[in-house]
Amino acid sequence: MKKRLISPDGGPQAVGPYSPAVAAGGFLFLSGQIPLNPGTGELVKGSFENQVRQTLENLKSVAASAGLTLNDVVKVNIFLVDMARFNELNAIYEEYFAESKPARSCVQAAALPKGVDVEIEAIACFPDA
């Protein structure tokens, strides 16, 4: 499989010089997603829950643009500004990965792009690869 750049129609677009996702070698490498509303390009304000949900919806949208679902995700990396929100994150995360439990890491970051509280990146596997 050749390298293929993925940029979802109507989904979250890159906010810098990178692709939202790259398909290569049977895998889909999803760039870190933050709580940006893909329709407006504006940050989702409000509760941490709303930010996490928008971030996961963005990840889901980018995966779908390559024909995959969150069930195809094999590895997730989560970056939090405040590790005290770990349990709150897990409660929401579990709703999105109820059927599939990918490998995962979660680390505290001093700061994230655009001052957000959460960023999530992932690697998915194409089922036929």
N, C-alpha and C. Protein backbone atom coordinates (compact mmCIF):
# COMPACT_ATOMS: atom_id res chain seq x y z
N MET A 1 0.84 -1.18 0.00
CA MET A 1 0.00 0.00 0.00
C MET A 1 0.89 1.24 0.00
N LYS A 2 0.63 2.12 -0.93
CA LYS A 2 1.37 3.37 -0.99
C LYS A 2 0.88 4.34 0.08
N LYS A 3 1.69 5.30 0.38
CA LYS A 3 1.31 6.35 1.33
C LYS A 3 0.21 7.19 0.70
N ARG A 4 -0.86 7.42 1.49
CA ARG A 4 -1.99 8.20 1.00
C ARG A 4 -2.36 9.22 2.07
N LEU A 5 -2.45 10.49 1.69
CA LEU A 5 -2.82 11.55 2.62
C LEU A 5 -4.33 11.62 2.71
N ILE A 6 -4.84 11.74 3.94
CA ILE A 6 -6.28 11.78 4.19
C ILE A 6 -6.66 13.15 4.71
N SER A 7 -7.62 13.78 4.04
CA SER A 7 -8.14 15.08 4.48
C SER A 7 -9.65 15.00 4.34
N PRO A 8 -10.38 14.84 5.44
CA PRO A 8 -11.82 14.60 5.37
C PRO A 8 -12.62 15.79 4.86
N ASP A 9 -13.56 15.51 3.96
CA ASP A 9 -14.51 16.54 3.52
C ASP A 9 -15.46 16.84 4.67
N GLY A 10 -15.57 18.08 5.04
CA GLY A 10 -16.48 18.46 6.10
C GLY A 10 -16.00 18.10 7.49
N GLY A 11 -14.86 17.45 7.59
CA GLY A 11 -14.32 17.07 8.90
C GLY A 11 -13.25 18.04 9.34
N PRO A 12 -12.62 17.74 10.45
CA PRO A 12 -11.58 18.63 10.97
C PRO A 12 -10.39 18.73 10.02
N GLN A 13 -9.97 19.93 9.75
CA GLN A 13 -8.83 20.17 8.87
C GLN A 13 -7.59 20.47 9.72
N ALA A 14 -6.45 20.24 9.15
CA ALA A 14 -5.19 20.52 9.84
C ALA A 14 -5.08 22.01 10.13
N VAL A 15 -4.52 22.35 11.28
CA VAL A 15 -4.31 23.75 11.63
C VAL A 15 -2.84 24.13 11.46
N GLY A 16 -2.12 23.31 10.72
CA GLY A 16 -0.70 23.56 10.47
C GLY A 16 -0.25 22.76 9.26
N PRO A 17 1.05 22.68 9.04
CA PRO A 17 1.59 21.99 7.87
C PRO A 17 1.69 20.46 8.06
N TYR A 18 0.53 19.82 8.16
CA TYR A 18 0.48 18.36 8.32
C TYR A 18 -0.85 17.86 7.77
N SER A 19 -0.98 16.55 7.63
CA SER A 19 -2.21 15.93 7.17
C SER A 19 -3.02 15.44 8.37
N PRO A 20 -4.35 15.51 8.30
CA PRO A 20 -5.16 14.97 9.39
C PRO A 20 -4.89 13.47 9.61
N ALA A 21 -4.54 12.76 8.53
CA ALA A 21 -4.21 11.35 8.66
C ALA A 21 -3.39 10.92 7.44
N VAL A 22 -2.62 9.86 7.63
CA VAL A 22 -1.83 9.27 6.55
C VAL A 22 -2.03 7.76 6.60
N ALA A 23 -2.42 7.18 5.46
CA ALA A 23 -2.54 5.74 5.34
C ALA A 23 -1.24 5.20 4.74
N ALA A 24 -0.67 4.19 5.39
CA ALA A 24 0.56 3.58 4.90
C ALA A 24 0.75 2.22 5.56
N GLY A 25 1.19 1.25 4.78
CA GLY A 25 1.54 -0.06 5.33
C GLY A 25 0.42 -0.76 6.06
N GLY A 26 -0.81 -0.56 5.64
CA GLY A 26 -1.94 -1.22 6.28
C GLY A 26 -2.47 -0.50 7.52
N PHE A 27 -1.87 0.63 7.83
CA PHE A 27 -2.29 1.40 9.00
C PHE A 27 -2.75 2.80 8.61
N LEU A 28 -3.56 3.38 9.47
CA LEU A 28 -3.95 4.78 9.33
C LEU A 28 -3.41 5.50 10.56
N PHE A 29 -2.56 6.48 10.33
CA PHE A 29 -1.96 7.26 11.39
C PHE A 29 -2.75 8.57 11.49
N LEU A 30 -3.49 8.74 12.57
CA LEU A 30 -4.36 9.90 12.75
C LEU A 30 -3.64 10.96 13.58
N SER A 31 -3.50 12.14 13.02
CA SER A 31 -2.86 13.24 13.73
C SER A 31 -3.67 13.61 14.96
N GLY A 32 -3.00 14.25 15.91
CA GLY A 32 -3.66 14.68 17.12
C GLY A 32 -4.84 15.58 16.82
N GLN A 33 -5.96 15.27 17.44
CA GLN A 33 -7.18 16.06 17.29
C GLN A 33 -7.42 16.85 18.57
N ILE A 34 -7.91 18.05 18.39
CA ILE A 34 -8.27 18.90 19.50
C ILE A 34 -9.74 19.28 19.35
N PRO A 35 -10.35 19.92 20.34
CA PRO A 35 -11.78 20.22 20.25
C PRO A 35 -12.12 21.40 19.36
N LEU A 36 -11.86 21.23 18.07
CA LEU A 36 -12.26 22.23 17.08
C LEU A 36 -13.57 21.80 16.44
N ASN A 37 -14.48 22.73 16.30
CA ASN A 37 -15.72 22.47 15.58
C ASN A 37 -15.37 22.50 14.10
N PRO A 38 -15.52 21.37 13.38
CA PRO A 38 -15.12 21.35 11.97
C PRO A 38 -15.95 22.27 11.09
N GLY A 39 -17.17 22.58 11.50
CA GLY A 39 -18.03 23.46 10.72
C GLY A 39 -17.62 24.91 10.78
N THR A 40 -17.14 25.33 11.93
CA THR A 40 -16.78 26.74 12.12
C THR A 40 -15.28 26.98 12.22
N GLY A 41 -14.52 25.92 12.54
CA GLY A 41 -13.09 26.08 12.75
C GLY A 41 -12.76 26.70 14.10
N GLU A 42 -13.79 26.91 14.91
CA GLU A 42 -13.60 27.52 16.23
C GLU A 42 -13.45 26.43 17.30
N LEU A 43 -12.76 26.78 18.37
CA LEU A 43 -12.63 25.87 19.50
C LEU A 43 -13.97 25.69 20.19
N VAL A 44 -14.23 24.47 20.65
CA VAL A 44 -15.41 24.20 21.46
C VAL A 44 -15.10 24.71 22.86
N LYS A 45 -15.92 25.60 23.32
CA LYS A 45 -15.75 26.18 24.66
C LYS A 45 -16.62 25.42 25.64
N GLY A 46 -16.44 25.71 26.88
CA GLY A 46 -17.29 25.11 27.89
C GLY A 46 -16.60 24.01 28.64
N SER A 47 -17.38 23.02 29.00
CA SER A 47 -16.92 21.98 29.91
C SER A 47 -15.83 21.10 29.30
N PHE A 48 -15.07 20.49 30.17
CA PHE A 48 -14.06 19.52 29.76
C PHE A 48 -14.73 18.38 29.00
N GLU A 49 -15.90 17.96 29.45
CA GLU A 49 -16.64 16.89 28.77
C GLU A 49 -16.91 17.26 27.32
N ASN A 50 -17.39 18.47 27.07
CA ASN A 50 -17.65 18.91 25.70
C ASN A 50 -16.38 18.90 24.86
N GLN A 51 -15.27 19.31 25.46
CA GLN A 51 -14.00 19.32 24.74
C GLN A 51 -13.56 17.90 24.37
N VAL A 52 -13.69 16.97 25.31
CA VAL A 52 -13.29 15.58 25.05
C VAL A 52 -14.19 14.97 23.99
N ARG A 53 -15.48 15.19 24.11
CA ARG A 53 -16.41 14.62 23.12
C ARG A 53 -16.13 15.16 21.71
N GLN A 54 -15.88 16.45 21.58
CA GLN A 54 -15.60 17.01 20.25
C GLN A 54 -14.29 16.44 19.71
N THR A 55 -13.31 16.29 20.57
CA THR A 55 -12.03 15.72 20.15
C THR A 55 -12.22 14.30 19.64
N LEU A 56 -12.98 13.49 20.36
CA LEU A 56 -13.23 12.11 19.93
C LEU A 56 -14.10 12.06 18.68
N GLU A 57 -15.06 12.97 18.55
CA GLU A 57 -15.86 13.04 17.33
C GLU A 57 -14.98 13.39 16.13
N ASN A 58 -14.02 14.27 16.33
CA ASN A 58 -13.10 14.63 15.26
C ASN A 58 -12.26 13.42 14.86
N LEU A 59 -11.76 12.68 15.84
CA LEU A 59 -10.98 11.48 15.56
C LEU A 59 -11.82 10.47 14.78
N LYS A 60 -13.06 10.30 15.20
CA LYS A 60 -14.00 9.40 14.53
C LYS A 60 -14.24 9.83 13.09
N SER A 61 -14.39 11.12 12.87
CA SER A 61 -14.63 11.66 11.53
C SER A 61 -13.44 11.43 10.60
N VAL A 62 -12.24 11.65 11.10
CA VAL A 62 -11.05 11.44 10.28
C VAL A 62 -10.91 9.96 9.94
N ALA A 63 -11.14 9.08 10.90
CA ALA A 63 -11.09 7.63 10.63
C ALA A 63 -12.13 7.25 9.58
N ALA A 64 -13.34 7.79 9.69
CA ALA A 64 -14.41 7.48 8.74
C ALA A 64 -14.06 7.93 7.33
N SER A 65 -13.32 9.00 7.21
CA SER A 65 -12.94 9.49 5.87
C SER A 65 -12.02 8.51 5.16
N ALA A 66 -11.42 7.60 5.91
CA ALA A 66 -10.58 6.55 5.32
C ALA A 66 -11.30 5.21 5.29
N GLY A 67 -12.60 5.21 5.65
CA GLY A 67 -13.39 3.99 5.63
C GLY A 67 -13.25 3.15 6.89
N LEU A 68 -12.77 3.74 7.97
CA LEU A 68 -12.58 3.00 9.21
C LEU A 68 -13.47 3.55 10.32
N THR A 69 -13.57 2.81 11.41
CA THR A 69 -14.30 3.24 12.59
C THR A 69 -13.35 3.22 13.78
N LEU A 70 -13.83 3.67 14.90
CA LEU A 70 -13.00 3.62 16.11
C LEU A 70 -12.72 2.18 16.53
N ASN A 71 -13.51 1.23 16.07
CA ASN A 71 -13.24 -0.19 16.36
C ASN A 71 -11.97 -0.67 15.65
N ASP A 72 -11.51 0.05 14.65
CA ASP A 72 -10.29 -0.31 13.93
C ASP A 72 -9.03 0.28 14.57
N VAL A 73 -9.22 1.11 15.59
CA VAL A 73 -8.09 1.75 16.26
C VAL A 73 -7.34 0.74 17.12
N VAL A 74 -6.02 0.72 16.99
CA VAL A 74 -5.19 -0.22 17.75
C VAL A 74 -4.33 0.47 18.80
N LYS A 75 -4.13 1.79 18.68
CA LYS A 75 -3.30 2.53 19.64
C LYS A 75 -3.79 3.96 19.74
N VAL A 76 -3.88 4.46 20.97
CA VAL A 76 -4.31 5.83 21.23
C VAL A 76 -3.29 6.49 22.15
N ASN A 77 -2.97 7.74 21.85
CA ASN A 77 -2.14 8.57 22.72
C ASN A 77 -2.97 9.78 23.12
N ILE A 78 -3.07 10.02 24.42
CA ILE A 78 -3.86 11.13 24.94
C ILE A 78 -2.94 12.08 25.68
N PHE A 79 -3.15 13.36 25.44
CA PHE A 79 -2.39 14.40 26.11
C PHE A 79 -3.37 15.27 26.89
N LEU A 80 -3.14 15.41 28.19
CA LEU A 80 -3.99 16.23 29.05
C LEU A 80 -3.15 17.32 29.70
N VAL A 81 -3.73 18.48 29.81
CA VAL A 81 -3.06 19.57 30.53
C VAL A 81 -3.13 19.31 32.03
N ASP A 82 -4.22 18.68 32.49
CA ASP A 82 -4.42 18.43 33.91
C ASP A 82 -4.74 16.96 34.14
N MET A 83 -3.80 16.21 34.67
CA MET A 83 -3.99 14.78 34.90
C MET A 83 -5.08 14.51 35.95
N ALA A 84 -5.48 15.51 36.70
CA ALA A 84 -6.57 15.34 37.66
C ALA A 84 -7.89 15.03 36.93
N ARG A 85 -7.94 15.26 35.63
CA ARG A 85 -9.14 14.98 34.83
C ARG A 85 -9.13 13.57 34.22
N PHE A 86 -8.17 12.77 34.62
CA PHE A 86 -7.99 11.42 34.07
C PHE A 86 -9.26 10.57 34.19
N ASN A 87 -9.88 10.53 35.36
CA ASN A 87 -11.09 9.72 35.54
C ASN A 87 -12.26 10.24 34.72
N GLU A 88 -12.38 11.55 34.64
CA GLU A 88 -13.44 12.16 33.82
C GLU A 88 -13.23 11.81 32.35
N LEU A 89 -11.99 11.87 31.89
CA LEU A 89 -11.66 11.48 30.52
C LEU A 89 -12.03 10.03 30.28
N ASN A 90 -11.65 9.14 31.20
CA ASN A 90 -11.92 7.71 31.02
C ASN A 90 -13.40 7.40 30.88
N ALA A 91 -14.24 8.07 31.64
CA ALA A 91 -15.68 7.83 31.57
C ALA A 91 -16.23 8.13 30.18
N ILE A 92 -15.75 9.21 29.58
CA ILE A 92 -16.19 9.59 28.23
C ILE A 92 -15.54 8.68 27.19
N TYR A 93 -14.26 8.46 27.32
CA TYR A 93 -13.49 7.62 26.40
C TYR A 93 -14.12 6.23 26.27
N GLU A 94 -14.54 5.68 27.40
CA GLU A 94 -15.11 4.33 27.39
C GLU A 94 -16.38 4.24 26.53
N GLU A 95 -17.13 5.31 26.44
CA GLU A 95 -18.31 5.33 25.57
C GLU A 95 -17.92 5.17 24.10
N TYR A 96 -16.81 5.75 23.71
CA TYR A 96 -16.37 5.72 22.31
C TYR A 96 -15.63 4.43 21.97
N PHE A 97 -15.04 3.80 22.96
CA PHE A 97 -14.27 2.57 22.72
C PHE A 97 -14.85 1.42 23.53
N ALA A 98 -16.18 1.33 23.60
CA ALA A 98 -16.85 0.29 24.37
C ALA A 98 -16.60 -1.09 23.79
N GLU A 99 -16.60 -1.21 22.46
CA GLU A 99 -16.42 -2.51 21.82
C GLU A 99 -14.96 -2.86 21.64
N SER A 100 -14.13 -1.87 21.49
CA SER A 100 -12.72 -2.08 21.18
C SER A 100 -11.87 -1.37 22.23
N LYS A 101 -10.92 -2.07 22.77
CA LYS A 101 -10.04 -1.49 23.78
C LYS A 101 -8.62 -1.44 23.23
N PRO A 102 -8.30 -0.35 22.49
CA PRO A 102 -6.95 -0.26 21.92
C PRO A 102 -5.90 -0.05 23.02
N ALA A 103 -4.65 -0.34 22.67
CA ALA A 103 -3.55 0.02 23.55
C ALA A 103 -3.58 1.54 23.71
N ARG A 104 -3.08 2.03 24.85
CA ARG A 104 -3.24 3.47 25.08
C ARG A 104 -2.18 3.99 26.04
N SER A 105 -1.83 5.24 25.84
CA SER A 105 -1.03 5.96 26.83
C SER A 105 -1.72 7.30 27.07
N CYS A 106 -1.47 7.86 28.24
CA CYS A 106 -2.04 9.15 28.58
C CYS A 106 -0.99 9.90 29.39
N VAL A 107 -0.63 11.07 28.91
CA VAL A 107 0.41 11.85 29.58
C VAL A 107 -0.06 13.27 29.81
N GLN A 108 0.53 13.89 30.83
CA GLN A 108 0.25 15.29 31.09
C GLN A 108 1.19 16.13 30.25
N ALA A 109 0.64 17.16 29.63
CA ALA A 109 1.43 18.09 28.82
C ALA A 109 1.35 19.48 29.46
N ALA A 110 2.45 20.18 29.42
CA ALA A 110 2.48 21.53 30.00
C ALA A 110 1.53 22.47 29.26
N ALA A 111 1.41 22.28 27.95
CA ALA A 111 0.52 23.11 27.13
C ALA A 111 0.22 22.36 25.85
N LEU A 112 -0.95 22.66 25.26
CA LEU A 112 -1.37 22.04 24.01
C LEU A 112 -1.74 23.14 23.01
N PRO A 113 -1.82 22.79 21.72
CA PRO A 113 -2.14 23.79 20.70
C PRO A 113 -3.42 24.57 21.03
N LYS A 114 -3.39 25.85 20.76
CA LYS A 114 -4.54 26.74 20.93
C LYS A 114 -5.05 26.80 22.37
N GLY A 115 -4.22 26.34 23.32
CA GLY A 115 -4.59 26.41 24.73
C GLY A 115 -5.66 25.43 25.16
N VAL A 116 -5.87 24.34 24.40
CA VAL A 116 -6.91 23.36 24.75
C VAL A 116 -6.47 22.50 25.92
N ASP A 117 -7.42 21.76 26.49
CA ASP A 117 -7.15 20.90 27.63
C ASP A 117 -6.84 19.47 27.26
N VAL A 118 -7.14 19.08 26.00
CA VAL A 118 -6.97 17.69 25.59
C VAL A 118 -6.60 17.61 24.11
N GLU A 119 -5.76 16.63 23.79
CA GLU A 119 -5.44 16.29 22.40
C GLU A 119 -5.34 14.77 22.34
N ILE A 120 -5.88 14.19 21.27
CA ILE A 120 -5.86 12.73 21.13
C ILE A 120 -5.43 12.36 19.72
N GLU A 121 -4.45 11.46 19.64
CA GLU A 121 -4.00 10.91 18.35
C GLU A 121 -4.17 9.41 18.39
N ALA A 122 -4.17 8.78 17.21
CA ALA A 122 -4.42 7.33 17.18
C ALA A 122 -3.78 6.68 15.95
N ILE A 123 -3.69 5.38 16.03
CA ILE A 123 -3.28 4.54 14.90
C ILE A 123 -4.37 3.48 14.73
N ALA A 124 -4.86 3.34 13.51
CA ALA A 124 -5.88 2.34 13.19
C ALA A 124 -5.30 1.37 12.16
N CYS A 125 -5.90 0.21 12.08
CA CYS A 125 -5.45 -0.82 11.16
C CYS A 125 -6.56 -1.12 10.16
N PHE A 126 -6.21 -1.15 8.88
CA PHE A 126 -7.18 -1.51 7.85
C PHE A 126 -7.46 -3.01 7.99
N PRO A 127 -8.73 -3.42 8.06
CA PRO A 127 -9.07 -4.84 8.30
C PRO A 127 -8.52 -5.79 7.25
N ASP A 128 -8.40 -5.35 6.03
CA ASP A 128 -7.95 -6.24 4.95
C ASP A 128 -6.44 -6.23 4.77
N ALA A 129 -5.72 -5.53 5.62
CA ALA A 129 -4.26 -5.41 5.48
C ALA A 129 -3.56 -6.58 6.12
